Amino acid sequence: MFIFVGGISKILFGTLDNEDANYYSDKIKSLIKEQLEFLRLSKKQITFVKSTLRSLNSTLLAVSDNEKILSKG
């Protein structure tokens, strides 16, 4: 009965019926899932970049130390 009323209401007033509500609910769930995946990947990427920068910093410090040693000798 309510589905029928929803269908008539959609035709007359442009409101959502049960099918529309399910469609938008599925799309919202999908969007939330995609956003969570994006956040997960972003965190991994940030971790990788931090690690790379730490390694680069360590290498630069070692080069600087070696330059100091070479300039003394």
PDB file of N, CA and C in Angstrom:
ATOM      1  N   MET A   1       0.833  -1.197   0.000  1.00  0.00           N
ATOM      2  CA  MET A   1       0.000   0.000   0.000  1.00  0.00           C
ATOM      3  C   MET A   1       0.871   1.251   0.000  1.00  0.00           C
ATOM      4  N   PHE A   2       1.895   1.283   0.892  1.00  0.00           N
ATOM      5  CA  PHE A   2       2.755   2.470   0.987  1.00  0.00           C
ATOM      6  C   PHE A   2       3.595   2.655  -0.274  1.00  0.00           C
ATOM      7  N   ILE A   3       3.996   1.553  -0.896  1.00  0.00           N
ATOM      8  CA  ILE A   3       4.764   1.642  -2.140  1.00  0.00           C
ATOM      9  C   ILE A   3       3.898   2.266  -3.228  1.00  0.00           C
ATOM     10  N   PHE A   4       2.639   1.878  -3.265  1.00  0.00           N
ATOM     11  CA  PHE A   4       1.712   2.448  -4.241  1.00  0.00           C
ATOM     12  C   PHE A   4       1.540   3.950  -3.995  1.00  0.00           C
ATOM     13  N   VAL A   5       1.361   4.327  -2.727  1.00  0.00           N
ATOM     14  CA  VAL A   5       1.202   5.749  -2.373  1.00  0.00           C
ATOM     15  C   VAL A   5       2.475   6.505  -2.739  1.00  0.00           C
ATOM     16  N   GLY A   6       3.654   5.873  -2.495  1.00  0.00           N
ATOM     17  CA  GLY A   6       4.923   6.501  -2.853  1.00  0.00           C
ATOM     18  C   GLY A   6       5.036   6.727  -4.346  1.00  0.00           C
ATOM     19  N   GLY A   7       4.573   5.757  -5.147  1.00  0.00           N
ATOM     20  CA  GLY A   7       4.607   5.889  -6.608  1.00  0.00           C
ATOM     21  C   GLY A   7       3.703   7.004  -7.088  1.00  0.00           C
ATOM     22  N   ILE A   8       2.499   7.090  -6.531  1.00  0.00           N
ATOM     23  CA  ILE A   8       1.556   8.160  -6.890  1.00  0.00           C
ATOM     24  C   ILE A   8       2.125   9.512  -6.462  1.00  0.00           C
ATOM     25  N   SER A   9       2.691   9.567  -5.267  1.00  0.00           N
ATOM     26  CA  SER A   9       3.274  10.808  -4.756  1.00  0.00           C
ATOM     27  C   SER A   9       4.415  11.269  -5.656  1.00  0.00           C
ATOM     28  N   LYS A  10       5.208  10.319  -6.152  1.00  0.00           N
ATOM     29  CA  LYS A  10       6.319  10.667  -7.042  1.00  0.00           C
ATOM     30  C   LYS A  10       5.792  11.293  -8.326  1.00  0.00           C
ATOM     31  N   ILE A  11       4.748  10.701  -8.872  1.00  0.00           N
ATOM     32  CA  ILE A  11       4.173  11.214 -10.111  1.00  0.00           C
ATOM     33  C   ILE A  11       3.582  12.604  -9.892  1.00  0.00           C
ATOM     34  N   LEU A  12       2.852  12.775  -8.805  1.00  0.00           N
ATOM     35  CA  LEU A  12       2.167  14.043  -8.569  1.00  0.00           C
ATOM     36  C   LEU A  12       3.090  15.151  -8.061  1.00  0.00           C
ATOM     37  N   PHE A  13       4.005  14.806  -7.149  1.00  0.00           N
ATOM     38  CA  PHE A  13       4.770  15.849  -6.459  1.00  0.00           C
ATOM     39  C   PHE A  13       6.291  15.757  -6.668  1.00  0.00           C
ATOM     40  N   GLY A  14       6.752  14.712  -7.344  1.00  0.00           N
ATOM     41  CA  GLY A  14       8.184  14.568  -7.581  1.00  0.00           C
ATOM     42  C   GLY A  14       8.963  14.097  -6.368  1.00  0.00           C
ATOM     43  N   THR A  15       8.287  13.463  -5.427  1.00  0.00           N
ATOM     44  CA  THR A  15       8.967  12.978  -4.221  1.00  0.00           C
ATOM     45  C   THR A  15       9.601  11.611  -4.505  1.00  0.00           C
ATOM     46  N   LEU A  16      10.471  11.175  -3.602  1.00  0.00           N
ATOM     47  CA  LEU A  16      11.131   9.878  -3.740  1.00  0.00           C
ATOM     48  C   LEU A  16      10.150   8.739  -3.517  1.00  0.00           C
ATOM     49  N   ASP A  17      10.294   7.705  -4.312  1.00  0.00           N
ATOM     50  CA  ASP A  17       9.576   6.475  -3.999  1.00  0.00           C
ATOM     51  C   ASP A  17      10.590   5.488  -3.411  1.00  0.00           C
ATOM     52  N   ASN A  18      10.151   4.305  -3.080  1.00  0.00           N
ATOM     53  CA  ASN A  18      11.007   3.314  -2.438  1.00  0.00           C
ATOM     54  C   ASN A  18      12.215   2.963  -3.312  1.00  0.00           C
ATOM     55  N   GLU A  19      12.002   2.827  -4.610  1.00  0.00           N
ATOM     56  CA  GLU A  19      13.091   2.492  -5.540  1.00  0.00           C
ATOM     57  C   GLU A  19      14.141   3.600  -5.574  1.00  0.00           C
ATOM     58  N   ASP A  20      13.677   4.854  -5.618  1.00  0.00           N
ATOM     59  CA  ASP A  20      14.611   5.987  -5.600  1.00  0.00           C
ATOM     60  C   ASP A  20      15.409   6.019  -4.297  1.00  0.00           C
ATOM     61  N   ALA A  21      14.730   5.786  -3.189  1.00  0.00           N
ATOM     62  CA  ALA A  21      15.392   5.809  -1.884  1.00  0.00           C
ATOM     63  C   ALA A  21      16.472   4.737  -1.815  1.00  0.00           C
ATOM     64  N   ASN A  22      16.174   3.538  -2.318  1.00  0.00           N
ATOM     65  CA  ASN A  22      17.172   2.465  -2.338  1.00  0.00           C
ATOM     66  C   ASN A  22      18.349   2.825  -3.240  1.00  0.00           C
ATOM     67  N   TYR A  23      18.070   3.415  -4.394  1.00  0.00           N
ATOM     68  CA  TYR A  23      19.119   3.818  -5.330  1.00  0.00           C
ATOM     69  C   TYR A  23      20.070   4.806  -4.669  1.00  0.00           C
ATOM     70  N   TYR A  24      19.520   5.868  -4.079  1.00  0.00           N
ATOM     71  CA  TYR A  24      20.369   6.888  -3.455  1.00  0.00           C
ATOM     72  C   TYR A  24      21.085   6.358  -2.217  1.00  0.00           C
ATOM     73  N   SER A  25      20.438   5.490  -1.491  1.00  0.00           N
ATOM     74  CA  SER A  25      21.082   4.875  -0.329  1.00  0.00           C
ATOM     75  C   SER A  25      22.287   4.048  -0.769  1.00  0.00           C
ATOM     76  N   ASP A  26      22.133   3.269  -1.839  1.00  0.00           N
ATOM     77  CA  ASP A  26      23.246   2.479  -2.365  1.00  0.00           C
ATOM     78  C   ASP A  26      24.385   3.375  -2.852  1.00  0.00           C
ATOM     79  N   LYS A  27      24.043   4.466  -3.520  1.00  0.00           N
ATOM     80  CA  LYS A  27      25.069   5.384  -4.025  1.00  0.00           C
ATOM     81  C   LYS A  27      25.822   6.056  -2.870  1.00  0.00           C
ATOM     82  N   ILE A  28      25.111   6.426  -1.826  1.00  0.00           N
ATOM     83  CA  ILE A  28      25.753   7.047  -0.663  1.00  0.00           C
ATOM     84  C   ILE A  28      26.680   6.049   0.024  1.00  0.00           C
ATOM     85  N   LYS A  29      26.236   4.813   0.182  1.00  0.00           N
ATOM     86  CA  LYS A  29      27.092   3.775   0.777  1.00  0.00           C
ATOM     87  C   LYS A  29      28.341   3.568  -0.062  1.00  0.00           C
ATOM     88  N   SER A  30      28.179   3.550  -1.376  1.00  0.00           N
ATOM     89  CA  SER A  30      29.313   3.383  -2.279  1.00  0.00           C
ATOM     90  C   SER A  30      30.291   4.546  -2.151  1.00  0.00           C
ATOM     91  N   LEU A  31      29.772   5.752  -2.057  1.00  0.00           N
ATOM     92  CA  LEU A  31      30.617   6.941  -1.900  1.00  0.00           C
ATOM     93  C   LEU A  31      31.387   6.893  -0.586  1.00  0.00           C
ATOM     94  N   ILE A  32      30.735   6.498   0.479  1.00  0.00           N
ATOM     95  CA  ILE A  32      31.400   6.380   1.782  1.00  0.00           C
ATOM     96  C   ILE A  32      32.519   5.347   1.701  1.00  0.00           C
ATOM     97  N   LYS A  33      32.241   4.219   1.067  1.00  0.00           N
ATOM     98  CA  LYS A  33      33.254   3.164   0.916  1.00  0.00           C
ATOM     99  C   LYS A  33      34.454   3.685   0.121  1.00  0.00           C
ATOM    100  N   GLU A  34      34.203   4.414  -0.963  1.00  0.00           N
ATOM    101  CA  GLU A  34      35.283   4.967  -1.784  1.00  0.00           C
ATOM    102  C   GLU A  34      36.103   5.985  -0.995  1.00  0.00           C
ATOM    103  N   GLN A  35      35.443   6.808  -0.192  1.00  0.00           N
ATOM    104  CA  GLN A  35      36.156   7.803   0.611  1.00  0.00           C
ATOM    105  C   GLN A  35      37.036   7.130   1.655  1.00  0.00           C
ATOM    106  N   LEU A  36      36.546   6.077   2.274  1.00  0.00           N
ATOM    107  CA  LEU A  36      37.350   5.348   3.258  1.00  0.00           C
ATOM    108  C   LEU A  36      38.568   4.711   2.594  1.00  0.00           C
ATOM    109  N   GLU A  37      38.383   4.160   1.411  1.00  0.00           N
ATOM    110  CA  GLU A  37      39.505   3.580   0.667  1.00  0.00           C
ATOM    111  C   GLU A  37      40.516   4.660   0.295  1.00  0.00           C
ATOM    112  N   PHE A  38      40.030   5.821  -0.114  1.00  0.00           N
ATOM    113  CA  PHE A  38      40.910   6.941  -0.443  1.00  0.00           C
ATOM    114  C   PHE A  38      41.721   7.361   0.784  1.00  0.00           C
ATOM    115  N   LEU A  39      41.084   7.436   1.943  1.00  0.00           N
ATOM    116  CA  LEU A  39      41.795   7.797   3.164  1.00  0.00           C
ATOM    117  C   LEU A  39      42.849   6.756   3.526  1.00  0.00           C
ATOM    118  N   ARG A  40      42.507   5.482   3.356  1.00  0.00           N
ATOM    119  CA  ARG A  40      43.459   4.406   3.646  1.00  0.00           C
ATOM    120  C   ARG A  40      44.680   4.513   2.737  1.00  0.00           C
ATOM    121  N   LEU A  41      44.440   4.726   1.451  1.00  0.00           N
ATOM    122  CA  LEU A  41      45.544   4.858   0.508  1.00  0.00           C
ATOM    123  C   LEU A  41      46.364   6.120   0.773  1.00  0.00           C
ATOM    124  N   SER A  42      45.701   7.193   1.152  1.00  0.00           N
ATOM    125  CA  SER A  42      46.410   8.434   1.472  1.00  0.00           C
ATOM    126  C   SER A  42      47.336   8.241   2.663  1.00  0.00           C
ATOM    127  N   LYS A  43      46.868   7.533   3.676  1.00  0.00           N
ATOM    128  CA  LYS A  43      47.708   7.269   4.846  1.00  0.00           C
ATOM    129  C   LYS A  43      48.931   6.451   4.460  1.00  0.00           C
ATOM    130  N   LYS A  44      48.740   5.445   3.607  1.00  0.00           N
ATOM    131  CA  LYS A  44      49.871   4.642   3.141  1.00  0.00           C
ATOM    132  C   LYS A  44      50.866   5.493   2.371  1.00  0.00           C
ATOM    133  N   GLN A  45      50.349   6.361   1.533  1.00  0.00           N
ATOM    134  CA  GLN A  45      51.202   7.223   0.722  1.00  0.00           C
ATOM    135  C   GLN A  45      51.989   8.182   1.615  1.00  0.00           C
ATOM    136  N   ILE A  46      51.335   8.746   2.625  1.00  0.00           N
ATOM    137  CA  ILE A  46      52.012   9.655   3.543  1.00  0.00           C
ATOM    138  C   ILE A  46      53.112   8.924   4.297  1.00  0.00           C
ATOM    139  N   THR A  47      52.842   7.704   4.728  1.00  0.00           N
ATOM    140  CA  THR A  47      53.848   6.898   5.419  1.00  0.00           C
ATOM    141  C   THR A  47      55.049   6.657   4.502  1.00  0.00           C
ATOM    142  N   PHE A  48      54.795   6.334   3.252  1.00  0.00           N
ATOM    143  CA  PHE A  48      55.868   6.094   2.293  1.00  0.00           C
ATOM    144  C   PHE A  48      56.702   7.353   2.073  1.00  0.00           C
ATOM    145  N   VAL A  49      56.053   8.498   1.898  1.00  0.00           N
ATOM    146  CA  VAL A  49      56.768   9.752   1.674  1.00  0.00           C
ATOM    147  C   VAL A  49      57.606  10.116   2.899  1.00  0.00           C
ATOM    148  N   LYS A  50      57.047   9.961   4.094  1.00  0.00           N
ATOM    149  CA  LYS A  50      57.811  10.232   5.317  1.00  0.00           C
ATOM    150  C   LYS A  50      59.054   9.362   5.389  1.00  0.00           C
ATOM    151  N   SER A  51      58.895   8.083   5.090  1.00  0.00           N
ATOM    152  CA  SER A  51      60.015   7.152   5.123  1.00  0.00           C
ATOM    153  C   SER A  51      61.089   7.558   4.114  1.00  0.00           C
ATOM    154  N   THR A  52      60.660   7.935   2.919  1.00  0.00           N
ATOM    155  CA  THR A  52      61.595   8.361   1.878  1.00  0.00           C
ATOM    156  C   THR A  52      62.341   9.620   2.303  1.00  0.00           C
ATOM    157  N   LEU A  53      61.637  10.573   2.900  1.00  0.00           N
ATOM    158  CA  LEU A  53      62.278  11.810   3.351  1.00  0.00           C
ATOM    159  C   LEU A  53      63.263  11.548   4.488  1.00  0.00           C
ATOM    160  N   ARG A  54      62.912  10.650   5.396  1.00  0.00           N
ATOM    161  CA  ARG A  54      63.842  10.297   6.476  1.00  0.00           C
ATOM    162  C   ARG A  54      65.115   9.685   5.904  1.00  0.00           C
ATOM    163  N   SER A  55      64.944   8.801   4.939  1.00  0.00           N
ATOM    164  CA  SER A  55      66.090   8.154   4.313  1.00  0.00           C
ATOM    165  C   SER A  55      66.961   9.177   3.587  1.00  0.00           C
ATOM    166  N   LEU A  56      66.331  10.069   2.875  1.00  0.00           N
ATOM    167  CA  LEU A  56      67.048  11.127   2.168  1.00  0.00           C
ATOM    168  C   LEU A  56      67.794  12.022   3.153  1.00  0.00           C
ATOM    169  N   ASN A  57      67.149  12.378   4.236  1.00  0.00           N
ATOM    170  CA  ASN A  57      67.774  13.217   5.250  1.00  0.00           C
ATOM    171  C   ASN A  57      68.995  12.518   5.840  1.00  0.00           C
ATOM    172  N   SER A  58      68.860  11.228   6.121  1.00  0.00           N
ATOM    173  CA  SER A  58      69.971  10.448   6.658  1.00  0.00           C
ATOM    174  C   SER A  58      71.138  10.413   5.675  1.00  0.00           C
ATOM    175  N   THR A  59      70.835  10.232   4.406  1.00  0.00           N
ATOM    176  CA  THR A  59      71.869  10.210   3.374  1.00  0.00           C
ATOM    177  C   THR A  59      72.573  11.559   3.278  1.00  0.00           C
ATOM    178  N   LEU A  60      71.810  12.631   3.303  1.00  0.00           N
ATOM    179  CA  LEU A  60      72.396  13.969   3.224  1.00  0.00           C
ATOM    180  C   LEU A  60      73.284  14.261   4.429  1.00  0.00           C
ATOM    181  N   LEU A  61      72.866  13.813   5.605  1.00  0.00           N
ATOM    182  CA  LEU A  61      73.694  14.000   6.793  1.00  0.00           C
ATOM    183  C   LEU A  61      75.001  13.224   6.674  1.00  0.00           C
ATOM    184  N   ALA A  62      74.924  11.997   6.144  1.00  0.00           N
ATOM    185  CA  ALA A  62      76.132  11.189   5.954  1.00  0.00           C
ATOM    186  C   ALA A  62      77.064  11.851   4.941  1.00  0.00           C
ATOM    187  N   VAL A  63      76.520  12.377   3.864  1.00  0.00           N
ATOM    188  CA  VAL A  63      77.330  13.082   2.854  1.00  0.00           C
ATOM    189  C   VAL A  63      77.995  14.297   3.484  1.00  0.00           C
ATOM    190  N   SER A  64      77.243  15.046   4.271  1.00  0.00           N
ATOM    191  CA  SER A  64      77.794  16.228   4.939  1.00  0.00           C
ATOM    192  C   SER A  64      78.934  15.839   5.875  1.00  0.00           C
ATOM    193  N   ASP A  65      78.734  14.778   6.631  1.00  0.00           N
ATOM    194  CA  ASP A  65      79.798  14.310   7.533  1.00  0.00           C
ATOM    195  C   ASP A  65      81.035  13.880   6.737  1.00  0.00           C
ATOM    196  N   ASN A  66      80.826  13.177   5.646  1.00  0.00           N
ATOM    197  CA  ASN A  66      81.949  12.732   4.814  1.00  0.00           C
ATOM    198  C   ASN A  66      82.682  13.918   4.198  1.00  0.00           C
ATOM    199  N   GLU A  67      81.947  14.956   3.788  1.00  0.00           N
ATOM    200  CA  GLU A  67      82.580  16.157   3.233  1.00  0.00           C
ATOM    201  C   GLU A  67      83.455  16.829   4.295  1.00  0.00           C
ATOM    202  N   LYS A  68      82.970  16.878   5.538  1.00  0.00           N
ATOM    203  CA  LYS A  68      83.735  17.478   6.627  1.00  0.00           C
ATOM    204  C   LYS A  68      85.039  16.692   6.859  1.00  0.00           C
ATOM    205  N   ILE A  69      84.924  15.365   6.833  1.00  0.00           N
ATOM    206  CA  ILE A  69      86.104  14.520   7.028  1.00  0.00           C
ATOM    207  C   ILE A  69      87.116  14.728   5.906  1.00  0.00           C
ATOM    208  N   LEU A  70      86.607  14.796   4.671  1.00  0.00           N
ATOM    209  CA  LEU A  70      87.498  14.977   3.527  1.00  0.00           C
ATOM    210  C   LEU A  70      88.144  16.356   3.514  1.00  0.00           C
ATOM    211  N   SER A  71      87.415  17.357   3.953  1.00  0.00           N
ATOM    212  CA  SER A  71      87.971  18.709   3.935  1.00  0.00           C
ATOM    213  C   SER A  71      89.058  18.876   5.004  1.00  0.00           C
ATOM    214  N   LYS A  72      89.044  18.101   6.061  1.00  0.00           N
ATOM    215  CA  LYS A  72      90.065  18.151   7.116  1.00  0.00           C
ATOM    216  C   LYS A  72      91.351  17.465   6.662  1.00  0.00           C
ATOM    217  N   GLY A  73      91.201  16.439   5.832  1.00  0.00           N
ATOM    218  CA  GLY A  73      92.374  15.626   5.463  1.00  0.00           C
ATOM    219  C   GLY A  73      93.044  16.147   4.288  1.00  0.00           C
TER     220      GLY A  73
END
